[in-house]
Protein backbone atom coordinates (compact mmCIF):
# COMPACT_ATOMS: atom_id res chain seq x y z
CA MET A 1 13.59 54.21 221.11
CA LYS A 2 16.62 52.36 220.93
CA LEU A 3 15.95 51.34 217.83
CA HIS A 4 15.74 54.99 216.47
CA THR A 5 18.60 55.89 217.91
CA PHE A 6 20.92 53.59 216.29
CA ILE A 7 19.54 54.45 213.02
CA ILE A 8 20.08 57.90 213.63
CA ASN A 9 23.92 56.82 214.77
CA ILE A 10 24.20 54.77 211.75
CA ILE A 11 23.67 57.30 209.40
CA SER A 12 25.75 59.93 211.07
CA LEU A 13 28.74 57.87 210.94
CA ALA A 14 27.80 57.41 207.43
CA GLY A 15 27.76 61.12 206.73
CA VAL A 16 30.96 61.21 208.54
CA ALA A 17 32.90 58.57 206.84
CA GLY A 18 31.69 60.41 203.35
CA ALA A 19 33.28 63.60 204.63
CA ALA A 20 36.07 61.85 205.56
CA PHE A 21 37.07 59.92 202.13
CA ALA A 22 35.59 62.65 199.88
CA PRO A 23 38.63 65.27 200.42
CA HIS A 24 41.23 62.13 199.40
CA HIS A 25 39.67 61.21 196.04
CA SER A 26 39.00 64.95 195.04
CA HIS A 27 42.64 65.53 195.55
CA SER A 28 43.59 62.57 193.80
CA GLN A 29 41.59 63.69 190.41
CA HIS A 30 43.20 67.10 191.56
CA THR A 31 46.91 65.69 191.03
CA ALA A 32 46.30 63.42 187.84
CA SER A 33 44.54 66.70 185.98
CA LEU A 34 47.56 68.64 186.95
CA SER A 35 49.99 66.12 185.69
CA ARG A 36 48.18 66.16 182.64
CA GLN A 37 48.00 69.54 182.08
CA HIS A 38 51.50 70.24 182.89
CA HIS A 39 52.67 67.21 180.16
CA VAL A 40 50.42 68.73 177.69
CA SER A 41 52.33 72.17 178.25
CA GLN A 42 55.58 70.71 178.35
CA LEU A 43 54.89 68.97 174.93
CA ASN A 44 53.34 72.39 173.75
CA ALA A 45 56.21 74.13 174.68
CA GLU A 46 58.89 71.65 172.85
CA HIS A 47 56.53 72.02 169.85
CA ASN A 48 56.59 75.78 169.97
CA GLN A 49 60.37 75.98 170.80
CA SER A 50 60.82 73.58 167.84
CA ASN A 51 59.21 75.76 165.41
CA SER A 52 60.73 78.78 166.93
CA ARG A 53 64.31 77.11 165.76
CA ARG A 54 63.00 76.16 162.52
CA ASP A 55 62.06 79.48 161.52
CA ILE A 56 65.11 81.42 162.66
CA LEU A 57 67.16 79.11 160.48
CA ASN A 58 64.61 79.36 157.73
CA ASN A 59 65.06 83.37 157.80
CA ILE A 60 68.61 83.59 158.40
CA ALA A 61 68.56 81.50 154.95
CA ALA A 62 66.46 83.91 153.48
CA TYR A 63 68.35 86.78 154.86
CA GLY A 64 71.60 85.19 153.44
CA ILE A 65 70.30 84.83 149.74
CA PHE A 66 68.70 87.98 149.77
CA LEU A 67 71.97 89.35 151.18
CA GLY A 68 73.92 87.68 148.78
CA ALA A 69 71.72 88.82 145.91
CA ILE A 70 72.20 92.82 146.92
CA ILE A 71 76.17 91.91 147.36
CA SER A 72 76.44 90.56 143.72
CA ASN A 73 74.93 93.03 142.02
CA VAL A 74 77.10 96.07 143.65
CA ASN A 75 79.76 97.33 142.48
CA PRO A 76 82.19 98.97 145.10
CA ALA A 77 83.53 101.46 142.32
CA ASN A 78 79.82 103.00 141.98
CA ALA A 79 79.58 103.32 145.62
CA LEU A 80 78.40 107.02 146.97
CA VAL A 81 79.64 109.15 149.49
CA GLU A 82 77.34 111.19 151.31
CA GLY A 83 77.80 114.70 149.93
CA ASN A 84 79.93 113.62 147.44
CA PRO A 85 78.68 113.73 143.69
CA PRO A 86 78.58 110.53 141.66
CA PRO A 87 82.05 109.35 140.31
CA ALA A 88 82.49 110.30 136.39
CA ALA A 89 82.62 107.91 134.30
CA LYS A 90 86.38 106.74 133.44
CA SER A 91 87.37 106.75 129.65
CA PRO A 92 88.82 103.38 128.17
CA LYS A 93 92.72 103.72 127.99
CA LYS A 94 94.33 103.39 124.51
CA SER A 95 96.28 100.62 123.26
CA LEU A 96 98.50 100.58 120.41
CA GLY A 97 99.41 97.86 118.23
CA GLU A 98 102.61 96.39 116.96
CA ASP A 99 103.70 99.48 114.35
CA TYR A 100 103.63 101.83 117.45
CA MET A 101 106.30 99.66 119.08
CA GLN A 102 107.94 99.77 115.91
CA GLY A 103 108.29 103.56 115.97
CA THR A 104 105.93 103.90 112.64
CA SER A 105 102.54 105.24 114.50
CA ALA A 106 101.26 106.32 117.49
CA LEU A 107 98.41 107.45 119.51
CA ALA A 108 98.14 110.89 120.66
CA ASN A 109 94.97 113.61 121.92
CA MET A 110 96.59 115.98 120.13
CA ASP A 111 97.26 113.62 116.75
CA ALA A 112 94.97 111.10 116.86
CA ASN A 113 96.37 107.69 114.84
CA ALA A 114 99.22 110.07 113.58
CA ALA A 115 101.28 107.59 111.17
CA VAL A 116 104.86 108.54 110.83
CA PRO A 117 107.32 106.95 108.88
CA SER A 118 110.13 105.18 109.91
CA SER A 119 112.75 107.45 108.28
CA ALA A 120 111.44 110.36 109.90
CA TYR A 121 112.69 109.47 113.45
CA LYS A 122 116.06 110.83 114.28
CA LYS A 123 118.20 109.72 117.10
CA LEU A 124 120.42 112.16 118.94
CA PRO A 125 123.59 111.33 120.08
CA SER A 126 122.17 111.20 123.81
CA GLY A 127 119.99 107.84 122.47
CA VAL A 128 117.02 110.05 122.35
CA VAL A 129 114.35 109.78 119.28
CA TYR A 130 112.15 111.99 118.06
CA ALA A 131 109.93 112.72 114.95
CA ASP A 132 107.85 115.66 114.23
CA LEU A 133 104.44 115.27 113.81
CA ARG A 134 103.40 118.71 112.94
CA PRO A 135 105.84 121.49 112.32
CA GLY A 136 106.06 124.88 114.11
CA THR A 137 105.05 127.50 111.95
CA THR A 138 105.43 130.47 114.47
CA GLY A 139 108.29 132.57 115.89
CA GLU A 140 111.89 131.42 116.65
CA ASP A 141 113.28 127.95 117.03
CA ILE A 142 113.12 127.01 120.79
CA VAL A 143 116.67 127.30 122.05
CA GLU A 144 118.85 127.47 125.34
CA GLY A 145 117.00 130.07 127.48
CA SER A 146 113.63 130.06 125.97
CA ARG A 147 110.68 129.95 128.07
CA VAL A 148 108.37 127.34 126.85
CA ASN A 149 104.82 126.15 127.62
CA LEU A 150 104.07 122.27 126.47
CA GLN A 151 100.90 120.37 126.36
CA TRP A 152 102.12 116.87 126.85
CA VAL A 153 101.09 113.12 126.92
CA LEU A 154 102.81 110.29 128.77
CA ARG A 155 102.85 107.08 127.93
CA LYS A 156 104.58 103.56 128.72
CA SER A 157 107.01 101.93 126.69
CA ASN A 158 104.04 99.66 125.47
CA GLY A 159 101.91 102.36 124.52
CA TYR A 160 99.88 102.45 127.70
CA PHE A 161 98.82 105.64 128.69
CA VAL A 162 100.07 107.44 131.97
CA ASP A 163 99.00 110.77 132.07
CA SER A 164 98.55 114.22 130.38
CA SER A 165 98.42 117.89 131.00
CA GLU A 166 94.84 117.36 129.51
CA VAL A 167 94.16 115.12 132.52
CA GLN A 168 95.77 117.47 134.82
CA ASN A 169 93.10 120.23 133.84
CA GLY A 170 94.74 121.35 130.85
CA ILE A 171 97.70 123.00 132.49
CA PRO A 172 100.77 123.49 130.73
CA PHE A 173 104.22 122.48 131.45
CA ILE A 174 106.38 125.22 131.88
CA PHE A 175 109.96 125.42 132.02
CA THR A 176 113.35 127.32 130.65
CA VAL A 177 115.39 125.42 128.18
CA GLY A 178 118.66 124.33 130.51
CA ASP A 179 117.49 125.11 133.68
CA LYS A 180 117.33 121.69 134.79
CA THR A 181 113.68 121.92 135.46
CA ALA A 182 112.70 119.67 132.57
CA ILE A 183 113.86 115.52 132.11
CA ASP A 184 116.91 115.16 130.41
CA GLY A 185 115.61 113.83 127.46
CA LEU A 186 112.65 116.51 126.89
CA ASP A 187 115.20 119.43 127.23
CA GLU A 188 117.59 118.18 124.71
CA GLY A 189 114.69 117.19 122.33
CA VAL A 190 112.36 120.50 122.44
CA ARG A 191 115.52 122.72 121.13
CA GLY A 192 114.87 123.68 117.06
CA MET A 193 110.67 123.33 117.92
CA LYS A 194 108.60 126.31 117.26
CA GLN A 195 105.56 127.52 118.59
CA SER A 196 102.26 124.83 117.71
CA GLY A 197 104.63 122.35 116.74
CA THR A 198 104.01 118.84 118.33
CA ARG A 199 107.16 116.09 118.48
CA ARG A 200 107.26 112.80 119.57
CA PHE A 201 110.16 111.61 121.83
CA MET A 202 111.30 108.00 122.80
CA ILE A 203 113.35 108.58 125.66
CA PRO A 204 115.75 106.30 127.52
CA PRO A 205 114.93 105.76 131.11
CA SER A 206 118.39 107.26 132.17
CA LEU A 207 117.08 110.40 130.54
CA ALA A 208 113.56 110.33 132.01
CA TYR A 209 112.84 110.37 135.50
CA ALA A 210 116.21 109.23 136.79
CA LYS A 211 115.87 111.63 139.40
CA GLY A 212 112.45 110.29 140.92
CA LEU A 213 109.17 111.63 140.73
CA GLU A 214 108.59 113.65 143.41
CA ASP A 215 107.43 117.34 143.94
CA GLY A 216 109.87 119.55 142.77
CA LEU A 217 112.03 117.09 140.58
CA PRO A 218 112.30 117.33 136.70
CA GLY A 219 108.87 117.18 134.62
CA PRO A 220 106.62 117.13 133.38
CA LEU A 221 105.66 114.95 136.24
CA PRO A 222 102.45 112.55 136.15
CA ALA A 223 99.99 113.29 139.22
CA GLY A 224 98.87 110.90 141.92
CA PHE A 225 100.23 107.63 143.13
CA GLY A 226 99.07 105.10 140.38
CA PRO A 227 100.61 107.18 137.36
CA ARG A 228 103.88 107.75 139.47
CA GLN A 229 104.29 104.52 140.40
CA GLN A 230 104.15 102.80 136.94
CA MET A 231 107.23 105.33 135.87
CA ARG A 232 108.87 104.26 139.04
CA ARG A 233 108.86 100.54 137.78
CA VAL A 234 110.07 101.78 134.03
CA GLN A 235 112.79 103.37 135.99
CA ASN A 236 113.63 100.68 138.41
CA VAL A 237 112.56 97.42 136.59
CA ARG A 238 113.13 98.11 133.39
CA LYS A 239 115.67 100.36 132.90
CA ASP A 240 118.35 98.27 131.96
CA VAL A 241 116.04 96.83 128.98
CA PRO A 242 117.03 96.59 125.61
CA GLY A 243 114.94 99.22 123.65
CA GLU A 244 112.96 100.63 126.43
CA TYR A 245 111.74 104.15 126.12
CA VAL A 246 109.29 106.64 127.93
CA PHE A 247 107.31 108.00 125.40
CA LEU A 248 106.12 111.22 125.45
CA GLU A 249 104.33 113.59 123.20
CA VAL A 250 104.42 117.41 122.97
CA GLN A 251 102.85 120.20 121.95
CA VAL A 252 104.45 123.98 121.80
CA THR A 253 101.79 126.29 122.94
CA ARG A 254 103.80 129.16 123.95
CA VAL A 255 107.78 130.33 123.32
CA ARG A 256 109.00 133.69 124.85
């Protein structure tokens, strides 16, 4: 009886001891498992972060190459504004040779490539030089007090185009000879012309836009900032250069 009781007690103690030690062993294994999982998760996060940074840099580089290709192929002058029509193509400016500089030929929209011998040029006492490209055949000579309509082309002394009545919607320059609404060189030089005649003037800057190029001053006036600024440079910078002229060609379309 006593032996039986002793064996039962031993078995009970063993059970209690096993129950006591079992949780401690399971907690250690659980802690180690959590530590391994945390380490693996940290490695995965670092790997994903590295890949993310690499993907971002690759995307930025690819976008920069794409954007650079677009910019290099875009001409700002061709940019369109919503609601506005595409800009019209500009015609190239006409350049002239040395013979024009010497006064033997010129280029005008009304008398393209018209060649004039130097002997055809006449110089007025004021210094204005002119030549008739096409004599007028209609009506009386222009005199002081005549009301005149002119189509005109304005160029710098190197022959480069500045402006014209054609560019300004074909609107003629209208003035009365002697009323000071035309530049002095034109007011003087147009006298003696007839309707339908075409004349080329080489006007010294002092007889051209000496009073300025603002609206309301003697004309014909170029339109817009650029053309007027070109003439201002002639008047302000080159006015004292020997042989400097303002080239103006006119065609008389009406005299009354």
